[in-house]
């Protein structure tokens, strides 16, 4: 038992200041949180906000994503999966919407009944913002009213937007899209 407690304390030290928030919660109607790591403070909350029942995982998850999260949880239980992963939005204490990656393990007793969930959340809001910027920038060539081309080193046309098609028809000298 002493070794287990030492390992648990070591894990606590590793995660307490990092970006990974650990949750352990019971499988019941209210998904009562049994444990949450101290770094939940990154979201403006205290562990006691969850373990006391003041904040539940249902109230943490952004309303538009809640049914998706619950559906994935139910499906994973029904399909007898050991874990699941999901990306969704949550609300921090300042009512700011954040994106998280969730990995949850489903723990079962000897009769295969679900007893609790152990998992972690990682704030991926910055990554999602970067992905959105990349999507916006990726549209630029297609939406540009000016001709946009991309050529291989040997002169083959690899890309052209709609504005470039008239020029391309005049420039192409063979059937292999070479200039």
C-alpha atoms as a PDB file:
ATOM      1  CA  UNK A   1       0.000   0.000   0.000  1.00  0.00           C
ATOM      2  CA  UNK A   2       2.889   2.363   0.793  1.00  0.00           C
ATOM      3  CA  UNK A   3       4.335   1.863  -2.701  1.00  0.00           C
ATOM      4  CA  UNK A   4       0.940   2.645  -4.255  1.00  0.00           C
ATOM      5  CA  UNK A   5       0.682   5.879  -2.254  1.00  0.00           C
ATOM      6  CA  UNK A   6       4.233   6.853  -3.227  1.00  0.00           C
ATOM      7  CA  UNK A   7       3.410   6.297  -6.895  1.00  0.00           C
ATOM      8  CA  UNK A   8       0.178   8.261  -6.546  1.00  0.00           C
ATOM      9  CA  UNK A   9       2.037  11.159  -4.917  1.00  0.00           C
ATOM     10  CA  UNK A  10       4.636  11.059  -7.695  1.00  0.00           C
ATOM     11  CA  UNK A  11       1.921  11.200 -10.350  1.00  0.00           C
ATOM     12  CA  UNK A  12       0.286  14.076  -8.519  1.00  0.00           C
ATOM     13  CA  UNK A  13       3.578  16.011  -8.567  1.00  0.00           C
ATOM     14  CA  UNK A  14       4.078  15.354 -12.268  1.00  0.00           C
ATOM     15  CA  UNK A  15       0.639  16.591 -13.301  1.00  0.00           C
ATOM     16  CA  UNK A  16      -0.070  19.340 -10.782  1.00  0.00           C
ATOM     17  CA  UNK A  17       1.365  22.224 -12.812  1.00  0.00           C
ATOM     18  CA  UNK A  18       1.082  20.851 -16.338  1.00  0.00           C
ATOM     19  CA  UNK A  19      -1.608  21.109 -19.004  1.00  0.00           C
ATOM     20  CA  UNK A  20      -3.106  17.657 -18.380  1.00  0.00           C
ATOM     21  CA  UNK A  21      -6.111  17.710 -16.029  1.00  0.00           C
ATOM     22  CA  UNK A  22      -6.953  14.339 -14.506  1.00  0.00           C
ATOM     23  CA  UNK A  23     -10.467  13.268 -13.535  1.00  0.00           C
ATOM     24  CA  UNK A  24     -11.809  10.208 -11.757  1.00  0.00           C
ATOM     25  CA  UNK A  25     -15.565  10.009 -11.483  1.00  0.00           C
ATOM     26  CA  UNK A  26     -18.152   7.472 -10.394  1.00  0.00           C
ATOM     27  CA  UNK A  27     -20.548   5.926 -12.830  1.00  0.00           C
ATOM     28  CA  UNK A  28     -23.878   7.169 -11.597  1.00  0.00           C
ATOM     29  CA  UNK A  29     -26.686   9.456 -12.682  1.00  0.00           C
ATOM     30  CA  UNK A  30     -24.775  12.631 -11.820  1.00  0.00           C
ATOM     31  CA  UNK A  31     -21.288  11.437 -12.828  1.00  0.00           C
ATOM     32  CA  UNK A  32     -20.007  12.505  -9.408  1.00  0.00           C
ATOM     33  CA  UNK A  33     -16.349  13.495  -9.519  1.00  0.00           C
ATOM     34  CA  UNK A  34     -14.198  11.530  -7.084  1.00  0.00           C
ATOM     35  CA  UNK A  35     -10.894  13.250  -7.913  1.00  0.00           C
ATOM     36  CA  UNK A  36      -9.659  16.071 -10.098  1.00  0.00           C
ATOM     37  CA  UNK A  37      -6.065  17.237 -10.283  1.00  0.00           C
ATOM     38  CA  UNK A  38      -5.058  20.577  -8.781  1.00  0.00           C
ATOM     39  CA  UNK A  39      -4.275  22.079 -12.172  1.00  0.00           C
ATOM     40  CA  UNK A  40      -7.996  22.418 -12.775  1.00  0.00           C
ATOM     41  CA  UNK A  41      -7.103  25.885 -11.508  1.00  0.00           C
ATOM     42  CA  UNK A  42      -6.003  26.534 -15.119  1.00  0.00           C
ATOM     43  CA  UNK A  43      -9.729  26.735 -15.873  1.00  0.00           C
ATOM     44  CA  UNK A  44     -10.396  28.959 -12.853  1.00  0.00           C
ATOM     45  CA  UNK A  45     -11.864  26.179 -10.725  1.00  0.00           C
ATOM     46  CA  UNK A  46     -10.756  24.440  -7.532  1.00  0.00           C
ATOM     47  CA  UNK A  47     -10.816  20.649  -7.184  1.00  0.00           C
ATOM     48  CA  UNK A  48     -13.438  21.039  -4.456  1.00  0.00           C
ATOM     49  CA  UNK A  49     -15.773  22.701  -6.983  1.00  0.00           C
ATOM     50  CA  UNK A  50     -16.042  19.277  -8.642  1.00  0.00           C
ATOM     51  CA  UNK A  51     -15.666  16.846  -5.738  1.00  0.00           C
ATOM     52  CA  UNK A  52     -18.339  18.720  -3.756  1.00  0.00           C
ATOM     53  CA  UNK A  53     -20.767  18.469  -6.686  1.00  0.00           C
ATOM     54  CA  UNK A  54     -20.940  22.246  -7.155  1.00  0.00           C
ATOM     55  CA  UNK A  55     -19.676  21.784 -10.726  1.00  0.00           C
ATOM     56  CA  UNK A  56     -20.419  18.576 -12.620  1.00  0.00           C
ATOM     57  CA  UNK A  57     -18.923  17.379 -15.853  1.00  0.00           C
ATOM     58  CA  UNK A  58     -22.343  17.988 -17.402  1.00  0.00           C
ATOM     59  CA  UNK A  59     -22.126  21.670 -16.516  1.00  0.00           C
ATOM     60  CA  UNK A  60     -18.475  21.897 -17.574  1.00  0.00           C
ATOM     61  CA  UNK A  61     -19.136  20.672 -21.120  1.00  0.00           C
ATOM     62  CA  UNK A  62     -20.325  23.318 -23.576  1.00  0.00           C
ATOM     63  CA  UNK A  63     -24.069  22.905 -24.105  1.00  0.00           C
ATOM     64  CA  UNK A  64     -23.876  22.291 -27.879  1.00  0.00           C
ATOM     65  CA  UNK A  65     -21.366  19.446 -27.328  1.00  0.00           C
ATOM     66  CA  UNK A  66     -22.981  17.752 -24.336  1.00  0.00           C
ATOM     67  CA  UNK A  67     -25.168  15.309 -26.265  1.00  0.00           C
ATOM     68  CA  UNK A  68     -22.186  14.274 -28.424  1.00  0.00           C
ATOM     69  CA  UNK A  69     -20.094  13.594 -25.291  1.00  0.00           C
ATOM     70  CA  UNK A  70     -22.907  11.634 -23.628  1.00  0.00           C
ATOM     71  CA  UNK A  71     -23.588   9.671 -26.824  1.00  0.00           C
ATOM     72  CA  UNK A  72     -19.923   8.692 -27.116  1.00  0.00           C
ATOM     73  CA  UNK A  73     -19.843   7.657 -23.464  1.00  0.00           C
ATOM     74  CA  UNK A  74     -22.998   5.534 -23.800  1.00  0.00           C
ATOM     75  CA  UNK A  75     -21.801   3.941 -27.042  1.00  0.00           C
ATOM     76  CA  UNK A  76     -18.408   3.120 -25.544  1.00  0.00           C
ATOM     77  CA  UNK A  77     -20.067   1.443 -22.569  1.00  0.00           C
ATOM     78  CA  UNK A  78     -22.520  -0.467 -24.767  1.00  0.00           C
ATOM     79  CA  UNK A  79     -19.745  -1.619 -27.114  1.00  0.00           C
ATOM     80  CA  UNK A  80     -17.719  -2.768 -24.101  1.00  0.00           C
ATOM     81  CA  UNK A  81     -14.811  -0.497 -24.989  1.00  0.00           C
ATOM     82  CA  UNK A  82     -12.017   0.055 -22.511  1.00  0.00           C
ATOM     83  CA  UNK A  83     -11.615   3.722 -23.400  1.00  0.00           C
ATOM     84  CA  UNK A  84     -12.597   6.473 -25.775  1.00  0.00           C
ATOM     85  CA  UNK A  85     -11.173   9.745 -27.056  1.00  0.00           C
ATOM     86  CA  UNK A  86     -13.073  12.838 -27.998  1.00  0.00           C
ATOM     87  CA  UNK A  87     -12.521  16.512 -28.771  1.00  0.00           C
ATOM     88  CA  UNK A  88     -15.117  18.969 -27.537  1.00  0.00           C
ATOM     89  CA  UNK A  89     -15.641  22.362 -25.936  1.00  0.00           C
ATOM     90  CA  UNK A  90     -15.897  23.233 -22.266  1.00  0.00           C
ATOM     91  CA  UNK A  91     -16.636  26.418 -20.327  1.00  0.00           C
ATOM     92  CA  UNK A  92     -14.075  27.804 -17.894  1.00  0.00           C
ATOM     93  CA  UNK A  93     -15.003  29.746 -14.771  1.00  0.00           C
ATOM     94  CA  UNK A  94     -14.862  33.041 -16.717  1.00  0.00           C
ATOM     95  CA  UNK A  95     -17.418  31.614 -19.199  1.00  0.00           C
ATOM     96  CA  UNK A  96     -14.786  31.397 -21.925  1.00  0.00           C
ATOM     97  CA  UNK A  97     -15.189  28.520 -24.373  1.00  0.00           C
ATOM     98  CA  UNK A  98     -12.136  26.245 -24.556  1.00  0.00           C
ATOM     99  CA  UNK A  99     -11.415  23.183 -26.680  1.00  0.00           C
ATOM    100  CA  UNK A 100     -10.194  20.010 -24.963  1.00  0.00           C
ATOM    101  CA  UNK A 101      -8.971  16.598 -25.962  1.00  0.00           C
ATOM    102  CA  UNK A 102     -10.448  13.962 -23.645  1.00  0.00           C
ATOM    103  CA  UNK A 103      -9.115  10.451 -23.123  1.00  0.00           C
ATOM    104  CA  UNK A 104     -11.291   8.433 -20.767  1.00  0.00           C
ATOM    105  CA  UNK A 105     -10.788   4.861 -19.547  1.00  0.00           C
ATOM    106  CA  UNK A 106     -13.845   2.881 -18.501  1.00  0.00           C
ATOM    107  CA  UNK A 107     -13.282   0.785 -15.374  1.00  0.00           C
ATOM    108  CA  UNK A 108     -15.433  -2.270 -14.701  1.00  0.00           C
ATOM    109  CA  UNK A 109     -15.911  -4.735 -11.867  1.00  0.00           C
ATOM    110  CA  UNK A 110     -15.627  -8.550 -12.073  1.00  0.00           C
ATOM    111  CA  UNK A 111     -19.159  -8.788 -13.526  1.00  0.00           C
ATOM    112  CA  UNK A 112     -18.203  -6.269 -16.230  1.00  0.00           C
ATOM    113  CA  UNK A 113     -20.373  -3.533 -14.710  1.00  0.00           C
ATOM    114  CA  UNK A 114     -19.018  -0.020 -15.165  1.00  0.00           C
ATOM    115  CA  UNK A 115     -17.829   1.376 -11.832  1.00  0.00           C
ATOM    116  CA  UNK A 116     -15.950   4.538 -12.678  1.00  0.00           C
ATOM    117  CA  UNK A 117     -14.139   6.532 -15.319  1.00  0.00           C
ATOM    118  CA  UNK A 118     -10.559   7.736 -15.224  1.00  0.00           C
ATOM    119  CA  UNK A 119      -9.431  10.227 -17.762  1.00  0.00           C
ATOM    120  CA  UNK A 120      -7.606  13.351 -18.661  1.00  0.00           C
ATOM    121  CA  UNK A 121      -8.357  16.570 -20.459  1.00  0.00           C
ATOM    122  CA  UNK A 122      -5.823  18.629 -22.358  1.00  0.00           C
ATOM    123  CA  UNK A 123      -6.608  22.216 -23.352  1.00  0.00           C
ATOM    124  CA  UNK A 124      -6.130  22.336 -27.130  1.00  0.00           C
ATOM    125  CA  UNK A 125      -7.695  25.758 -27.686  1.00  0.00           C
ATOM    126  CA  UNK A 126      -4.533  27.255 -29.208  1.00  0.00           C
ATOM    127  CA  UNK A 127      -4.192  24.288 -31.550  1.00  0.00           C
ATOM    128  CA  UNK A 128      -7.819  24.693 -32.674  1.00  0.00           C
ATOM    129  CA  UNK A 129      -7.254  28.418 -33.279  1.00  0.00           C
ATOM    130  CA  UNK A 130      -4.196  27.633 -35.403  1.00  0.00           C
ATOM    131  CA  UNK A 131      -6.149  24.994 -37.359  1.00  0.00           C
ATOM    132  CA  UNK A 132      -8.853  27.575 -38.066  1.00  0.00           C
ATOM    133  CA  UNK A 133      -6.242  30.072 -39.302  1.00  0.00           C
ATOM    134  CA  UNK A 134      -4.759  27.410 -41.586  1.00  0.00           C
ATOM    135  CA  UNK A 135      -8.223  26.676 -43.024  1.00  0.00           C
ATOM    136  CA  UNK A 136      -8.764  30.368 -43.705  1.00  0.00           C
ATOM    137  CA  UNK A 137      -5.353  30.755 -45.339  1.00  0.00           C
ATOM    138  CA  UNK A 138      -5.841  27.572 -47.366  1.00  0.00           C
ATOM    139  CA  UNK A 139      -8.897  29.156 -49.009  1.00  0.00           C
ATOM    140  CA  UNK A 140      -6.912  32.172 -50.180  1.00  0.00           C
ATOM    141  CA  UNK A 141      -5.709  30.794 -53.535  1.00  0.00           C
ATOM    142  CA  UNK A 142      -9.199  29.641 -54.561  1.00  0.00           C
ATOM    143  CA  UNK A 143     -10.855  32.878 -53.471  1.00  0.00           C
ATOM    144  CA  UNK A 144      -8.200  35.145 -54.960  1.00  0.00           C
ATOM    145  CA  UNK A 145      -9.622  37.005 -58.005  1.00  0.00           C
ATOM    146  CA  UNK A 146      -6.131  37.065 -59.544  1.00  0.00           C
ATOM    147  CA  UNK A 147      -4.559  34.075 -61.276  1.00  0.00           C
ATOM    148  CA  UNK A 148      -2.734  31.729 -58.890  1.00  0.00           C
ATOM    149  CA  UNK A 149      -0.509  28.910 -60.146  1.00  0.00           C
ATOM    150  CA  UNK A 150       1.748  26.299 -58.661  1.00  0.00           C
ATOM    151  CA  UNK A 151       4.277  24.625 -60.961  1.00  0.00           C
ATOM    152  CA  UNK A 152       6.619  21.697 -60.591  1.00  0.00           C
ATOM    153  CA  UNK A 153      10.307  22.235 -61.336  1.00  0.00           C
ATOM    154  CA  UNK A 154       9.825  20.782 -64.825  1.00  0.00           C
ATOM    155  CA  UNK A 155       6.975  23.191 -65.637  1.00  0.00           C
ATOM    156  CA  UNK A 156       3.986  20.947 -64.947  1.00  0.00           C
ATOM    157  CA  UNK A 157       0.964  22.793 -63.570  1.00  0.00           C
ATOM    158  CA  UNK A 158       0.261  21.375 -60.124  1.00  0.00           C
ATOM    159  CA  UNK A 159      -2.456  23.855 -59.156  1.00  0.00           C
ATOM    160  CA  UNK A 160      -4.390  26.709 -60.642  1.00  0.00           C
ATOM    161  CA  UNK A 161      -7.385  28.635 -59.347  1.00  0.00           C
ATOM    162  CA  UNK A 162     -10.442  29.501 -61.441  1.00  0.00           C
ATOM    163  CA  UNK A 163      -9.022  32.922 -62.315  1.00  0.00           C
ATOM    164  CA  UNK A 164      -5.984  31.255 -63.851  1.00  0.00           C
ATOM    165  CA  UNK A 165      -7.877  28.916 -66.182  1.00  0.00           C
ATOM    166  CA  UNK A 166      -8.117  31.344 -69.141  1.00  0.00           C
ATOM    167  CA  UNK A 167      -4.385  32.008 -69.044  1.00  0.00           C
ATOM    168  CA  UNK A 168      -3.656  28.350 -68.601  1.00  0.00           C
ATOM    169  CA  UNK A 169      -5.583  27.439 -71.777  1.00  0.00           C
ATOM    170  CA  UNK A 170      -3.456  29.917 -73.727  1.00  0.00           C
ATOM    171  CA  UNK A 171      -0.169  28.736 -72.209  1.00  0.00           C
ATOM    172  CA  UNK A 172      -0.449  24.945 -72.290  1.00  0.00           C
ATOM    173  CA  UNK A 173       1.527  23.552 -75.197  1.00  0.00           C
ATOM    174  CA  UNK A 174       0.841  19.833 -74.773  1.00  0.00           C
ATOM    175  CA  UNK A 175      -1.620  17.353 -73.256  1.00  0.00           C
ATOM    176  CA  UNK A 176       0.545  16.755 -70.182  1.00  0.00           C
ATOM    177  CA  UNK A 177      -0.124  20.162 -68.573  1.00  0.00           C
ATOM    178  CA  UNK A 178       3.418  21.376 -69.239  1.00  0.00           C
ATOM    179  CA  UNK A 179       4.169  24.905 -70.326  1.00  0.00           C
END
